Amino acid sequence: MNLDVDIFDAVNPYADMNLVKKVNSTGLSQNGGISLGTIGCWMSHRSVWEKIVAENIGKALILEDDVDFIDGFRDKVSSVMSQLKSKNQYWDMLYIGHCYQEKPTQPPIISSPVVVQKSSNPKCMHAYGVSLSGAKKLLENVVKFEYPIDLQILGLLNSKKFVSYSINPEIAKQGAFTGDTSVNIDPVAHQGGQTLDGYSVKSCLDYVKSNKSYFISPKKI
């Protein structure tokens, strides 16, 4: 895919509560079920958009740290980007992965190797592309914390001034992770009991298990 890779440290509101006040001092009181982690996620995505604009980055692929890719991910994304360019198709945002979205009502603009259609209220933002113009529009419209980031941008996505497409079905999911850093070796975790066949974490775990190339931690160290 010939990408320059940059690892972006997530914003941690637990370390500095003043960060929460900067985005919305009443955010937690107005949304009783909202955690500091949700606000940190909101701030992290916005910070990445700021970096894109500040550094004049034409297009960026944004991946959260728990993302899991379907086999052939690179070739599929490369094909989509090549077709968008050849069609001279303008876009602000491209959902490569999502947890759910409503059934699209418009015909696809790309049909192979994956289907690309106008976004229809997608949820989750673990894998998406954003253009420079898209990042600018997101920053202009997402200023104060109101809702989780994927919900707060839906109004913009559904407006005529923002062009967003989704790959259907998604080719990136939120992987089977638990805690802050540890990989949950149960591939059905957090997926409603559905094994992620054909995805990278499952493939890697199957390979590791078949070759018995893993370490078993002693009970006492």
N, C-alpha and C. Protein backbone atom coordinates (compact mmCIF):
# COMPACT_ATOMS: atom_id res chain seq x y z
N MET A 1 0.82 -1.21 0.00
CA MET A 1 0.00 0.00 0.00
C MET A 1 0.85 1.26 0.00
N ASN A 2 2.17 1.07 0.29
CA ASN A 2 3.11 2.19 0.20
C ASN A 2 2.69 3.35 1.10
N LEU A 3 2.48 3.04 2.39
CA LEU A 3 2.04 4.05 3.35
C LEU A 3 3.15 4.43 4.31
N ASP A 4 3.19 5.69 4.69
CA ASP A 4 4.04 6.12 5.79
C ASP A 4 3.27 5.88 7.09
N VAL A 5 3.86 5.15 8.02
CA VAL A 5 3.16 4.75 9.23
C VAL A 5 3.59 5.61 10.41
N ASP A 6 2.63 6.05 11.17
CA ASP A 6 2.89 6.85 12.37
C ASP A 6 2.02 6.32 13.49
N ILE A 7 2.62 6.04 14.64
CA ILE A 7 1.87 5.57 15.81
C ILE A 7 1.52 6.78 16.67
N PHE A 8 0.25 6.95 16.91
CA PHE A 8 -0.25 8.12 17.63
C PHE A 8 -0.69 7.69 19.03
N ASP A 9 -0.08 8.28 20.05
CA ASP A 9 -0.46 7.97 21.43
C ASP A 9 -1.85 8.53 21.73
N ALA A 10 -2.71 7.67 22.25
CA ALA A 10 -4.08 8.10 22.57
C ALA A 10 -4.08 9.12 23.70
N VAL A 11 -5.07 9.99 23.69
CA VAL A 11 -5.23 10.97 24.76
C VAL A 11 -5.76 10.24 25.99
N ASN A 12 -5.17 10.51 27.14
CA ASN A 12 -5.55 9.85 28.39
C ASN A 12 -6.15 10.86 29.36
N PRO A 13 -7.47 11.00 29.39
CA PRO A 13 -8.09 11.97 30.30
C PRO A 13 -7.97 11.57 31.76
N TYR A 14 -7.67 10.29 32.04
CA TYR A 14 -7.48 9.86 33.42
C TYR A 14 -6.26 10.54 34.04
N ALA A 15 -5.29 10.87 33.20
CA ALA A 15 -4.06 11.48 33.69
C ALA A 15 -4.23 12.97 33.97
N ASP A 16 -5.21 13.60 33.34
CA ASP A 16 -5.39 15.05 33.50
C ASP A 16 -6.86 15.39 33.25
N MET A 17 -7.61 15.59 34.32
CA MET A 17 -9.04 15.89 34.19
C MET A 17 -9.28 17.24 33.52
N ASN A 18 -8.27 18.10 33.49
CA ASN A 18 -8.44 19.39 32.82
C ASN A 18 -8.67 19.21 31.32
N LEU A 19 -8.20 18.06 30.79
CA LEU A 19 -8.43 17.79 29.37
C LEU A 19 -9.92 17.67 29.08
N VAL A 20 -10.66 17.08 30.02
CA VAL A 20 -12.10 16.92 29.84
C VAL A 20 -12.78 18.28 29.81
N LYS A 21 -12.35 19.18 30.68
CA LYS A 21 -12.95 20.51 30.74
C LYS A 21 -12.73 21.28 29.44
N LYS A 22 -11.62 21.00 28.77
CA LYS A 22 -11.33 21.72 27.54
C LYS A 22 -12.31 21.37 26.43
N VAL A 23 -12.75 20.12 26.39
CA VAL A 23 -13.66 19.71 25.31
C VAL A 23 -15.12 19.88 25.69
N ASN A 24 -15.43 19.76 26.98
CA ASN A 24 -16.79 19.99 27.45
C ASN A 24 -16.84 19.69 28.94
N SER A 25 -16.88 20.73 29.75
CA SER A 25 -16.85 20.56 31.20
C SER A 25 -18.11 19.88 31.71
N THR A 26 -19.19 19.89 30.92
CA THR A 26 -20.44 19.28 31.36
C THR A 26 -20.71 17.96 30.66
N GLY A 27 -19.74 17.49 29.89
CA GLY A 27 -19.95 16.28 29.10
C GLY A 27 -20.35 15.08 29.93
N LEU A 28 -19.68 14.88 31.07
CA LEU A 28 -19.98 13.71 31.88
C LEU A 28 -21.30 13.85 32.61
N SER A 29 -21.60 15.05 33.11
CA SER A 29 -22.84 15.24 33.86
C SER A 29 -24.07 15.13 32.97
N GLN A 30 -23.94 15.56 31.71
CA GLN A 30 -25.07 15.50 30.79
C GLN A 30 -25.27 14.10 30.23
N ASN A 31 -24.23 13.31 30.21
CA ASN A 31 -24.30 11.95 29.67
C ASN A 31 -23.81 10.99 30.74
N GLY A 32 -24.71 10.62 31.63
CA GLY A 32 -24.33 9.84 32.79
C GLY A 32 -23.63 8.53 32.48
N GLY A 33 -23.91 7.93 31.32
CA GLY A 33 -23.30 6.65 30.99
C GLY A 33 -21.98 6.77 30.26
N ILE A 34 -21.49 7.99 30.07
CA ILE A 34 -20.26 8.20 29.31
C ILE A 34 -19.05 8.08 30.23
N SER A 35 -18.07 7.29 29.81
CA SER A 35 -16.86 7.10 30.59
C SER A 35 -15.77 8.07 30.14
N LEU A 36 -14.75 8.20 30.98
CA LEU A 36 -13.60 9.02 30.60
C LEU A 36 -12.90 8.42 29.38
N GLY A 37 -12.92 7.10 29.28
CA GLY A 37 -12.31 6.45 28.14
C GLY A 37 -12.98 6.84 26.83
N THR A 38 -14.31 7.01 26.88
CA THR A 38 -15.05 7.42 25.69
C THR A 38 -14.65 8.83 25.27
N ILE A 39 -14.47 9.70 26.27
CA ILE A 39 -14.03 11.06 25.98
C ILE A 39 -12.59 11.04 25.44
N GLY A 40 -11.76 10.17 26.02
CA GLY A 40 -10.39 10.05 25.52
C GLY A 40 -10.35 9.59 24.07
N CYS A 41 -11.24 8.67 23.71
CA CYS A 41 -11.34 8.21 22.32
C CYS A 41 -11.75 9.36 21.41
N TRP A 42 -12.74 10.13 21.85
CA TRP A 42 -13.21 11.31 21.10
C TRP A 42 -12.06 12.27 20.85
N MET A 43 -11.30 12.56 21.91
CA MET A 43 -10.20 13.50 21.80
C MET A 43 -9.07 12.96 20.92
N SER A 44 -8.84 11.66 20.99
CA SER A 44 -7.77 11.05 20.21
C SER A 44 -8.03 11.17 18.72
N HIS A 45 -9.26 10.84 18.31
CA HIS A 45 -9.58 10.95 16.88
C HIS A 45 -9.47 12.40 16.42
N ARG A 46 -9.96 13.31 17.24
CA ARG A 46 -9.89 14.72 16.85
C ARG A 46 -8.43 15.19 16.75
N SER A 47 -7.58 14.69 17.63
CA SER A 47 -6.17 15.06 17.58
C SER A 47 -5.50 14.55 16.30
N VAL A 48 -5.91 13.37 15.85
CA VAL A 48 -5.37 12.85 14.59
C VAL A 48 -5.81 13.73 13.42
N TRP A 49 -7.07 14.17 13.44
CA TRP A 49 -7.54 15.07 12.37
C TRP A 49 -6.74 16.37 12.38
N GLU A 50 -6.44 16.88 13.58
CA GLU A 50 -5.64 18.10 13.69
C GLU A 50 -4.26 17.89 13.07
N LYS A 51 -3.67 16.73 13.31
CA LYS A 51 -2.35 16.42 12.75
C LYS A 51 -2.41 16.37 11.23
N ILE A 52 -3.46 15.78 10.70
CA ILE A 52 -3.63 15.69 9.24
C ILE A 52 -3.67 17.09 8.62
N VAL A 53 -4.43 17.98 9.25
CA VAL A 53 -4.56 19.34 8.73
C VAL A 53 -3.26 20.11 8.91
N ALA A 54 -2.65 20.00 10.09
CA ALA A 54 -1.42 20.74 10.38
C ALA A 54 -0.29 20.34 9.44
N GLU A 55 -0.23 19.06 9.08
CA GLU A 55 0.86 18.57 8.23
C GLU A 55 0.45 18.44 6.76
N ASN A 56 -0.76 18.91 6.47
CA ASN A 56 -1.25 18.94 5.08
C ASN A 56 -1.18 17.55 4.43
N ILE A 57 -1.65 16.55 5.16
CA ILE A 57 -1.65 15.17 4.67
C ILE A 57 -2.87 14.95 3.78
N GLY A 58 -2.65 14.56 2.55
CA GLY A 58 -3.74 14.45 1.58
C GLY A 58 -4.78 13.40 1.95
N LYS A 59 -4.30 12.22 2.36
CA LYS A 59 -5.19 11.13 2.75
C LYS A 59 -4.53 10.34 3.86
N ALA A 60 -5.33 9.83 4.78
CA ALA A 60 -4.78 9.05 5.88
C ALA A 60 -5.69 7.87 6.18
N LEU A 61 -5.08 6.75 6.54
CA LEU A 61 -5.80 5.57 6.99
C LEU A 61 -5.64 5.51 8.50
N ILE A 62 -6.74 5.61 9.23
CA ILE A 62 -6.70 5.65 10.69
C ILE A 62 -7.17 4.31 11.24
N LEU A 63 -6.33 3.69 12.07
CA LEU A 63 -6.62 2.39 12.64
C LEU A 63 -6.49 2.45 14.15
N GLU A 64 -7.52 2.01 14.86
CA GLU A 64 -7.41 1.90 16.31
C GLU A 64 -6.57 0.67 16.64
N ASP A 65 -6.06 0.62 17.88
CA ASP A 65 -5.08 -0.42 18.20
C ASP A 65 -5.67 -1.81 18.36
N ASP A 66 -6.99 -1.95 18.33
CA ASP A 66 -7.59 -3.28 18.43
C ASP A 66 -8.15 -3.77 17.10
N VAL A 67 -7.73 -3.16 16.01
CA VAL A 67 -8.28 -3.51 14.71
C VAL A 67 -7.77 -4.88 14.25
N ASP A 68 -8.62 -5.60 13.55
CA ASP A 68 -8.27 -6.91 13.00
C ASP A 68 -8.67 -6.92 11.53
N PHE A 69 -7.76 -7.42 10.68
CA PHE A 69 -7.98 -7.34 9.23
C PHE A 69 -8.41 -8.67 8.63
N ILE A 70 -9.26 -8.61 7.63
CA ILE A 70 -9.62 -9.80 6.88
C ILE A 70 -8.44 -10.18 5.98
N ASP A 71 -8.33 -11.47 5.67
CA ASP A 71 -7.27 -11.90 4.75
C ASP A 71 -7.41 -11.17 3.42
N GLY A 72 -6.30 -10.71 2.89
CA GLY A 72 -6.32 -9.97 1.63
C GLY A 72 -6.66 -8.50 1.80
N PHE A 73 -6.58 -8.02 3.04
CA PHE A 73 -6.95 -6.63 3.35
C PHE A 73 -6.19 -5.63 2.48
N ARG A 74 -4.88 -5.80 2.40
CA ARG A 74 -4.06 -4.83 1.67
C ARG A 74 -4.46 -4.74 0.20
N ASP A 75 -4.64 -5.89 -0.43
CA ASP A 75 -5.01 -5.87 -1.86
C ASP A 75 -6.38 -5.25 -2.07
N LYS A 76 -7.31 -5.52 -1.17
CA LYS A 76 -8.67 -4.98 -1.32
C LYS A 76 -8.67 -3.46 -1.15
N VAL A 77 -7.97 -2.96 -0.14
CA VAL A 77 -7.92 -1.52 0.07
C VAL A 77 -7.19 -0.83 -1.07
N SER A 78 -6.10 -1.43 -1.53
CA SER A 78 -5.34 -0.85 -2.64
C SER A 78 -6.21 -0.75 -3.89
N SER A 79 -7.01 -1.79 -4.14
CA SER A 79 -7.89 -1.79 -5.31
C SER A 79 -8.95 -0.70 -5.19
N VAL A 80 -9.54 -0.57 -4.00
CA VAL A 80 -10.57 0.46 -3.79
C VAL A 80 -9.98 1.85 -4.02
N MET A 81 -8.81 2.12 -3.46
CA MET A 81 -8.21 3.44 -3.60
C MET A 81 -7.85 3.72 -5.05
N SER A 82 -7.36 2.70 -5.76
CA SER A 82 -7.01 2.87 -7.17
C SER A 82 -8.26 3.18 -8.01
N GLN A 83 -9.36 2.48 -7.70
CA GLN A 83 -10.60 2.72 -8.45
C GLN A 83 -11.20 4.09 -8.15
N LEU A 84 -11.13 4.50 -6.90
CA LEU A 84 -11.63 5.83 -6.55
C LEU A 84 -10.86 6.91 -7.32
N LYS A 85 -9.55 6.70 -7.42
CA LYS A 85 -8.71 7.66 -8.13
C LYS A 85 -9.03 7.66 -9.63
N SER A 86 -9.16 6.47 -10.22
CA SER A 86 -9.41 6.38 -11.66
C SER A 86 -10.78 6.94 -12.03
N LYS A 87 -11.74 6.82 -11.11
CA LYS A 87 -13.08 7.36 -11.34
C LYS A 87 -13.17 8.85 -11.01
N ASN A 88 -12.04 9.38 -10.47
CA ASN A 88 -12.03 10.78 -10.03
C ASN A 88 -13.16 11.04 -9.03
N GLN A 89 -13.34 10.05 -8.13
CA GLN A 89 -14.43 10.09 -7.17
C GLN A 89 -14.01 10.86 -5.91
N TYR A 90 -14.68 11.96 -5.65
CA TYR A 90 -14.38 12.76 -4.46
C TYR A 90 -14.92 12.03 -3.22
N TRP A 91 -14.17 12.08 -2.13
CA TRP A 91 -14.65 11.53 -0.87
C TRP A 91 -13.98 12.25 0.29
N ASP A 92 -14.72 12.36 1.38
CA ASP A 92 -14.18 12.93 2.62
C ASP A 92 -13.78 11.83 3.59
N MET A 93 -14.55 10.75 3.60
CA MET A 93 -14.32 9.68 4.56
C MET A 93 -14.68 8.34 3.93
N LEU A 94 -13.91 7.31 4.28
CA LEU A 94 -14.16 5.97 3.76
C LEU A 94 -14.09 4.97 4.92
N TYR A 95 -15.24 4.41 5.27
CA TYR A 95 -15.29 3.41 6.34
C TYR A 95 -14.81 2.07 5.79
N ILE A 96 -13.68 1.61 6.31
CA ILE A 96 -13.14 0.31 5.93
C ILE A 96 -13.67 -0.76 6.88
N GLY A 97 -13.91 -0.34 8.11
CA GLY A 97 -14.52 -1.21 9.10
C GLY A 97 -15.60 -0.46 9.85
N HIS A 98 -16.61 -1.18 10.26
CA HIS A 98 -17.66 -0.60 11.10
C HIS A 98 -18.33 -1.74 11.86
N CYS A 99 -18.97 -1.42 12.98
CA CYS A 99 -19.66 -2.44 13.76
C CYS A 99 -21.03 -2.76 13.17
N TYR A 100 -21.64 -1.73 12.61
CA TYR A 100 -22.99 -1.87 12.08
C TYR A 100 -23.31 -0.65 11.25
N GLN A 101 -24.12 -0.83 10.22
CA GLN A 101 -24.71 0.30 9.55
C GLN A 101 -26.03 -0.14 8.92
N GLU A 102 -26.91 0.83 8.70
CA GLU A 102 -28.19 0.52 8.09
C GLU A 102 -28.00 0.08 6.64
N LYS A 103 -28.98 -0.59 6.10
CA LYS A 103 -28.89 -1.07 4.73
C LYS A 103 -28.80 0.11 3.77
N PRO A 104 -27.72 0.19 2.98
CA PRO A 104 -27.56 1.31 2.04
C PRO A 104 -28.70 1.36 1.03
N THR A 105 -29.07 2.56 0.66
CA THR A 105 -30.18 2.74 -0.29
C THR A 105 -29.70 3.13 -1.68
N GLN A 106 -28.41 3.47 -1.80
CA GLN A 106 -27.89 3.88 -3.10
C GLN A 106 -27.04 2.78 -3.73
N PRO A 107 -26.98 2.72 -5.04
CA PRO A 107 -26.19 1.68 -5.71
C PRO A 107 -24.70 1.87 -5.43
N PRO A 108 -23.93 0.80 -5.50
CA PRO A 108 -22.49 0.90 -5.23
C PRO A 108 -21.75 1.69 -6.30
N ILE A 109 -20.70 2.35 -5.88
CA ILE A 109 -19.82 3.03 -6.84
C ILE A 109 -18.68 2.11 -7.24
N ILE A 110 -18.44 1.07 -6.42
CA ILE A 110 -17.45 0.03 -6.72
C ILE A 110 -18.10 -1.31 -6.35
N SER A 111 -17.93 -2.30 -7.20
CA SER A 111 -18.57 -3.59 -6.96
C SER A 111 -17.59 -4.74 -6.76
N SER A 112 -16.31 -4.53 -7.08
CA SER A 112 -15.33 -5.59 -6.96
C SER A 112 -13.95 -4.99 -6.69
N PRO A 113 -13.12 -5.61 -5.84
CA PRO A 113 -13.31 -6.88 -5.14
C PRO A 113 -14.21 -6.79 -3.91
N VAL A 114 -14.58 -5.57 -3.53
CA VAL A 114 -15.53 -5.36 -2.44
C VAL A 114 -16.56 -4.34 -2.92
N VAL A 115 -17.66 -4.25 -2.20
CA VAL A 115 -18.71 -3.30 -2.54
C VAL A 115 -18.48 -2.01 -1.76
N VAL A 116 -18.51 -0.88 -2.45
CA VAL A 116 -18.37 0.42 -1.81
C VAL A 116 -19.63 1.23 -2.10
N GLN A 117 -20.31 1.66 -1.03
CA GLN A 117 -21.56 2.39 -1.17
C GLN A 117 -21.56 3.61 -0.26
N LYS A 118 -22.49 4.51 -0.52
CA LYS A 118 -22.66 5.67 0.36
C LYS A 118 -22.93 5.18 1.77
N SER A 119 -22.24 5.78 2.74
CA SER A 119 -22.40 5.38 4.13
C SER A 119 -23.84 5.57 4.59
N SER A 120 -24.29 4.65 5.44
CA SER A 120 -25.66 4.70 5.94
C SER A 120 -25.66 4.53 7.45
N ASN A 121 -25.32 5.62 8.16
CA ASN A 121 -25.27 5.64 9.62
C ASN A 121 -24.37 4.54 10.20
N PRO A 122 -23.11 4.48 9.77
CA PRO A 122 -22.21 3.46 10.32
C PRO A 122 -21.84 3.75 11.77
N LYS A 123 -21.58 2.69 12.51
CA LYS A 123 -21.16 2.80 13.91
C LYS A 123 -19.73 2.27 14.04
N CYS A 124 -19.00 2.83 14.97
CA CYS A 124 -17.61 2.49 15.29
C CYS A 124 -16.64 3.13 14.29
N MET A 125 -15.42 3.40 14.76
CA MET A 125 -14.42 4.07 13.93
C MET A 125 -13.05 3.43 14.12
N HIS A 126 -13.00 2.10 14.09
CA HIS A 126 -11.73 1.42 14.31
C HIS A 126 -10.88 1.35 13.05
N ALA A 127 -11.49 1.61 11.87
CA ALA A 127 -10.71 1.59 10.63
C ALA A 127 -11.42 2.45 9.59
N TYR A 128 -10.80 3.56 9.23
CA TYR A 128 -11.41 4.43 8.22
C TYR A 128 -10.35 5.30 7.56
N GLY A 129 -10.65 5.71 6.35
CA GLY A 129 -9.80 6.65 5.65
C GLY A 129 -10.42 8.03 5.72
N VAL A 130 -9.59 9.04 5.75
CA VAL A 130 -10.09 10.41 5.76
C VAL A 130 -9.18 11.26 4.88
N SER A 131 -9.78 12.12 4.08
CA SER A 131 -9.02 13.02 3.23
C SER A 131 -8.72 14.32 3.98
N LEU A 132 -7.85 15.12 3.42
CA LEU A 132 -7.53 16.40 4.05
C LEU A 132 -8.77 17.26 4.17
N SER A 133 -9.57 17.32 3.12
CA SER A 133 -10.80 18.11 3.17
C SER A 133 -11.77 17.53 4.20
N GLY A 134 -11.81 16.20 4.30
CA GLY A 134 -12.67 15.57 5.29
C GLY A 134 -12.25 15.90 6.70
N ALA A 135 -10.94 15.88 6.96
CA ALA A 135 -10.44 16.21 8.30
C ALA A 135 -10.79 17.65 8.67
N LYS A 136 -10.68 18.56 7.71
CA LYS A 136 -11.03 19.96 7.97
C LYS A 136 -12.51 20.09 8.33
N LYS A 137 -13.37 19.40 7.60
CA LYS A 137 -14.81 19.46 7.87
C LYS A 137 -15.14 18.84 9.22
N LEU A 138 -14.48 17.76 9.56
CA LEU A 138 -14.71 17.12 10.85
C LEU A 138 -14.32 18.05 11.99
N LEU A 139 -13.18 18.71 11.85
CA LEU A 139 -12.73 19.64 12.90
C LEU A 139 -13.68 20.82 13.04
N GLU A 140 -14.20 21.29 11.94
CA GLU A 140 -15.13 22.43 11.98
C GLU A 140 -16.45 22.07 12.65
N ASN A 141 -16.85 20.82 12.53
CA ASN A 141 -18.17 20.41 13.01
C ASN A 141 -18.14 19.63 14.32
N VAL A 142 -16.99 19.15 14.71
CA VAL A 142 -16.86 18.40 15.97
C VAL A 142 -15.92 19.19 16.87
N VAL A 143 -16.50 20.09 17.64
CA VAL A 143 -15.70 21.01 18.44
C VAL A 143 -15.79 20.69 19.92
N LYS A 144 -16.99 20.48 20.43
CA LYS A 144 -17.22 20.15 21.83
C LYS A 144 -17.77 18.74 21.96
N PHE A 145 -17.34 18.05 23.00
CA PHE A 145 -17.84 16.70 23.21
C PHE A 145 -19.33 16.71 23.53
N GLU A 146 -20.08 15.92 22.79
CA GLU A 146 -21.51 15.75 23.04
C GLU A 146 -21.88 14.28 23.19
N TYR A 147 -21.33 13.45 22.30
CA TYR A 147 -21.62 12.02 22.28
C TYR A 147 -20.34 11.27 21.90
N PRO A 148 -20.33 9.95 22.02
CA PRO A 148 -19.19 9.18 21.49
C PRO A 148 -18.91 9.59 20.05
N ILE A 149 -17.66 9.59 19.67
CA ILE A 149 -17.23 10.20 18.42
C ILE A 149 -17.96 9.63 17.20
N ASP A 150 -18.22 8.32 17.17
CA ASP A 150 -18.87 7.74 16.00
C ASP A 150 -20.31 8.18 15.86
N LEU A 151 -20.95 8.52 16.98
CA LEU A 151 -22.33 9.00 16.95
C LEU A 151 -22.40 10.50 16.67
N GLN A 152 -21.42 11.24 17.20
CA GLN A 152 -21.46 12.69 17.05
C GLN A 152 -21.26 13.13 15.60
N ILE A 153 -20.55 12.33 14.82
CA ILE A 153 -20.30 12.76 13.44
C ILE A 153 -21.41 12.34 12.46
N LEU A 154 -22.41 11.60 12.94
CA LEU A 154 -23.44 11.10 12.03
C LEU A 154 -24.21 12.23 11.35
N GLY A 155 -24.47 13.32 12.08
CA GLY A 155 -25.17 14.45 11.47
C GLY A 155 -24.41 15.00 10.28
N LEU A 156 -23.09 15.10 10.43
CA LEU A 156 -22.25 15.59 9.33
C LEU A 156 -22.24 14.58 8.18
N LEU A 157 -22.13 13.29 8.51
CA LEU A 157 -22.10 12.26 7.47
C LEU A 157 -23.36 12.28 6.61
N ASN A 158 -24.48 12.61 7.23
CA ASN A 158 -25.75 12.61 6.51
C ASN A 158 -26.07 13.93 5.83
N SER A 159 -25.17 14.90 5.96
CA SER A 159 -25.39 16.19 5.32
C SER A 159 -24.88 16.17 3.88
N LYS A 160 -25.31 17.14 3.11
CA LYS A 160 -24.90 17.20 1.70
C LYS A 160 -23.48 17.75 1.53
N LYS A 161 -22.93 18.31 2.60
CA LYS A 161 -21.60 18.91 2.49
C LYS A 161 -20.48 17.92 2.82
N PHE A 162 -20.83 16.67 3.12
CA PHE A 162 -19.83 15.68 3.50
C PHE A 162 -20.09 14.40 2.71
N VAL A 163 -19.04 13.84 2.11
CA VAL A 163 -19.17 12.64 1.28
C VAL A 163 -18.46 11.47 1.96
N SER A 164 -19.25 10.51 2.39
CA SER A 164 -18.69 9.35 3.10
C SER A 164 -19.18 8.06 2.45
N TYR A 165 -18.23 7.13 2.26
CA TYR A 165 -18.56 5.81 1.71
C TYR A 165 -18.16 4.73 2.70
N SER A 166 -18.75 3.55 2.53
CA SER A 166 -18.43 2.40 3.37
C SER A 166 -18.18 1.18 2.51
N ILE A 167 -17.21 0.37 2.94
CA ILE A 167 -16.98 -0.93 2.33
C ILE A 167 -17.93 -1.92 2.98
N ASN A 168 -18.68 -2.65 2.17
CA ASN A 168 -19.66 -3.61 2.68
C ASN A 168 -19.47 -4.98 2.02
N PRO A 169 -19.42 -6.05 2.82
CA PRO A 169 -19.31 -5.99 4.27
C PRO A 169 -17.94 -5.46 4.67
N GLU A 170 -17.79 -5.06 5.89
CA GLU A 170 -16.53 -4.47 6.35
C GLU A 170 -15.39 -5.47 6.22
N ILE A 171 -14.17 -4.97 6.00
CA ILE A 171 -13.00 -5.84 5.88
C ILE A 171 -12.04 -5.62 7.04
N ALA A 172 -12.48 -4.91 8.06
CA ALA A 172 -11.71 -4.74 9.29
C ALA A 172 -12.69 -4.70 10.45
N LYS A 173 -12.39 -5.46 11.48
CA LYS A 173 -13.24 -5.51 12.67
C LYS A 173 -12.43 -5.13 13.89
N GLN A 174 -13.12 -4.89 15.00
CA GLN A 174 -12.42 -4.73 16.26
C GLN A 174 -12.06 -6.12 16.74
N GLY A 175 -10.76 -6.35 16.97
CA GLY A 175 -10.27 -7.69 17.27
C GLY A 175 -10.64 -8.18 18.65
N ALA A 176 -10.27 -9.43 18.91
CA ALA A 176 -10.58 -10.06 20.19
C ALA A 176 -9.52 -9.69 21.21
N PHE A 177 -9.65 -8.51 21.77
CA PHE A 177 -8.71 -8.01 22.75
C PHE A 177 -9.42 -7.77 24.08
N THR A 178 -8.66 -7.81 25.14
CA THR A 178 -9.24 -7.50 26.44
C THR A 178 -8.23 -6.72 27.25
N GLY A 179 -8.68 -5.85 28.12
CA GLY A 179 -7.76 -5.05 28.91
C GLY A 179 -7.09 -3.98 28.08
N ASP A 180 -5.97 -3.46 28.58
CA ASP A 180 -5.29 -2.38 27.90
C ASP A 180 -4.35 -2.87 26.79
N THR A 181 -3.70 -4.01 27.03
CA THR A 181 -2.69 -4.43 26.07
C THR A 181 -2.76 -5.91 25.71
N SER A 182 -3.38 -6.74 26.54
CA SER A 182 -3.29 -8.18 26.34
C SER A 182 -4.23 -8.68 25.25
N VAL A 183 -3.76 -9.67 24.50
CA VAL A 183 -4.58 -10.29 23.47
C VAL A 183 -5.36 -11.43 24.09
N ASN A 184 -6.65 -11.44 23.90
CA ASN A 184 -7.49 -12.52 24.39
C ASN A 184 -7.43 -13.65 23.37
N ILE A 185 -6.92 -14.80 23.78
CA ILE A 185 -6.73 -15.88 22.82
C ILE A 185 -8.03 -16.60 22.48
N ASP A 186 -9.13 -16.19 23.08
CA ASP A 186 -10.43 -16.71 22.67
C ASP A 186 -10.93 -15.86 21.51
N PRO A 187 -10.92 -16.39 20.28
CA PRO A 187 -11.25 -15.56 19.10
C PRO A 187 -12.70 -15.14 19.02
N VAL A 188 -13.57 -15.67 19.89
CA VAL A 188 -14.97 -15.25 19.83
C VAL A 188 -15.27 -14.15 20.83
N ALA A 189 -14.27 -13.74 21.61
CA ALA A 189 -14.49 -12.69 22.61
C ALA A 189 -14.90 -11.40 21.94
N HIS A 190 -15.87 -10.72 22.54
CA HIS A 190 -16.34 -9.41 22.08
C HIS A 190 -16.95 -9.45 20.67
N GLN A 191 -17.29 -10.61 20.17
CA GLN A 191 -17.86 -10.69 18.83
C GLN A 191 -19.21 -11.39 18.84
N GLY A 192 -19.87 -11.39 20.01
CA GLY A 192 -21.19 -11.97 20.09
C GLY A 192 -21.20 -13.46 19.81
N GLY A 193 -20.09 -14.14 20.11
CA GLY A 193 -20.02 -15.57 19.90
C GLY A 193 -19.67 -15.97 18.48
N GLN A 194 -19.35 -15.01 17.63
CA GLN A 194 -19.04 -15.30 16.24
C GLN A 194 -17.53 -15.35 16.03
N THR A 195 -17.02 -16.50 15.62
CA THR A 195 -15.60 -16.64 15.35
C THR A 195 -15.22 -15.83 14.12
N LEU A 196 -14.13 -15.09 14.21
CA LEU A 196 -13.71 -14.24 13.09
C LEU A 196 -12.85 -15.04 12.11
N ASP A 197 -13.47 -15.99 11.44
CA ASP A 197 -12.75 -16.77 10.43
C ASP A 197 -12.30 -15.85 9.30
N GLY A 198 -11.05 -16.06 8.86
CA GLY A 198 -10.53 -15.25 7.77
C GLY A 198 -9.93 -13.94 8.20
N TYR A 199 -9.84 -13.71 9.52
CA TYR A 199 -9.24 -12.47 10.01
C TYR A 199 -7.87 -12.76 10.61
N SER A 200 -7.05 -11.72 10.72
CA SER A 200 -5.63 -11.90 11.03
C SER A 200 -5.38 -12.49 12.40
N VAL A 201 -6.09 -12.04 13.44
CA VAL A 201 -5.84 -12.56 14.78
C VAL A 201 -6.13 -14.06 14.83
N LYS A 202 -7.26 -14.48 14.28
CA LYS A 202 -7.61 -15.90 14.25
C LYS A 202 -6.57 -16.69 13.47
N SER A 203 -6.14 -16.19 12.33
CA SER A 203 -5.15 -16.89 11.51
C SER A 203 -3.83 -17.03 12.24
N CYS A 204 -3.41 -15.95 12.91
CA CYS A 204 -2.14 -15.99 13.66
C CYS A 204 -2.21 -16.97 14.81
N LEU A 205 -3.33 -16.97 15.53
CA LEU A 205 -3.48 -17.88 16.66
C LEU A 205 -3.51 -19.33 16.21
N ASP A 206 -4.19 -19.60 15.11
CA ASP A 206 -4.22 -20.96 14.57
C ASP A 206 -2.82 -21.42 14.20
N TYR A 207 -2.03 -20.51 13.59
CA TYR A 207 -0.66 -20.85 13.20
C TYR A 207 0.19 -21.12 14.43
N VAL A 208 0.07 -20.26 15.43
CA VAL A 208 0.86 -20.42 16.66
C VAL A 208 0.52 -21.74 17.34
N LYS A 209 -0.77 -22.03 17.44
CA LYS A 209 -1.20 -23.27 18.11
C LYS A 209 -0.74 -24.51 17.35
N SER A 210 -0.86 -24.48 16.02
CA SER A 210 -0.49 -25.65 15.22
C SER A 210 1.00 -25.93 15.29
N ASN A 211 1.81 -24.90 15.45
CA ASN A 211 3.26 -25.07 15.53
C ASN A 211 3.77 -25.11 16.96
N LYS A 212 2.84 -24.97 17.90
CA LYS A 212 3.18 -24.97 19.33
C LYS A 212 4.31 -23.99 19.62
N SER A 213 4.29 -22.86 18.92
CA SER A 213 5.35 -21.87 19.10
C SER A 213 4.88 -20.77 20.04
N TYR A 214 4.68 -21.15 21.28
CA TYR A 214 4.27 -20.17 22.27
C TYR A 214 4.88 -20.54 23.62
N PHE A 215 4.90 -19.58 24.51
CA PHE A 215 5.46 -19.78 25.83
C PHE A 215 4.35 -19.93 26.85
N ILE A 216 4.52 -20.85 27.79
CA ILE A 216 3.58 -21.01 28.89
C ILE A 216 4.24 -20.42 30.12
N SER A 217 3.61 -19.42 30.69
CA SER A 217 4.19 -18.75 31.85
C SER A 217 4.16 -19.66 33.07
N PRO A 218 5.27 -19.77 33.81
CA PRO A 218 5.26 -20.57 35.04
C PRO A 218 4.33 -19.96 36.07
N LYS A 219 3.82 -20.79 36.97
CA LYS A 219 2.89 -20.30 37.98
C LYS A 219 3.58 -19.34 38.94
N LYS A 220 4.85 -19.58 39.18
CA LYS A 220 5.60 -18.71 40.08
C LYS A 220 6.88 -18.27 39.39
N ILE A 221 7.14 -16.98 39.49
CA ILE A 221 8.36 -16.44 38.88
C ILE A 221 9.26 -15.90 39.97
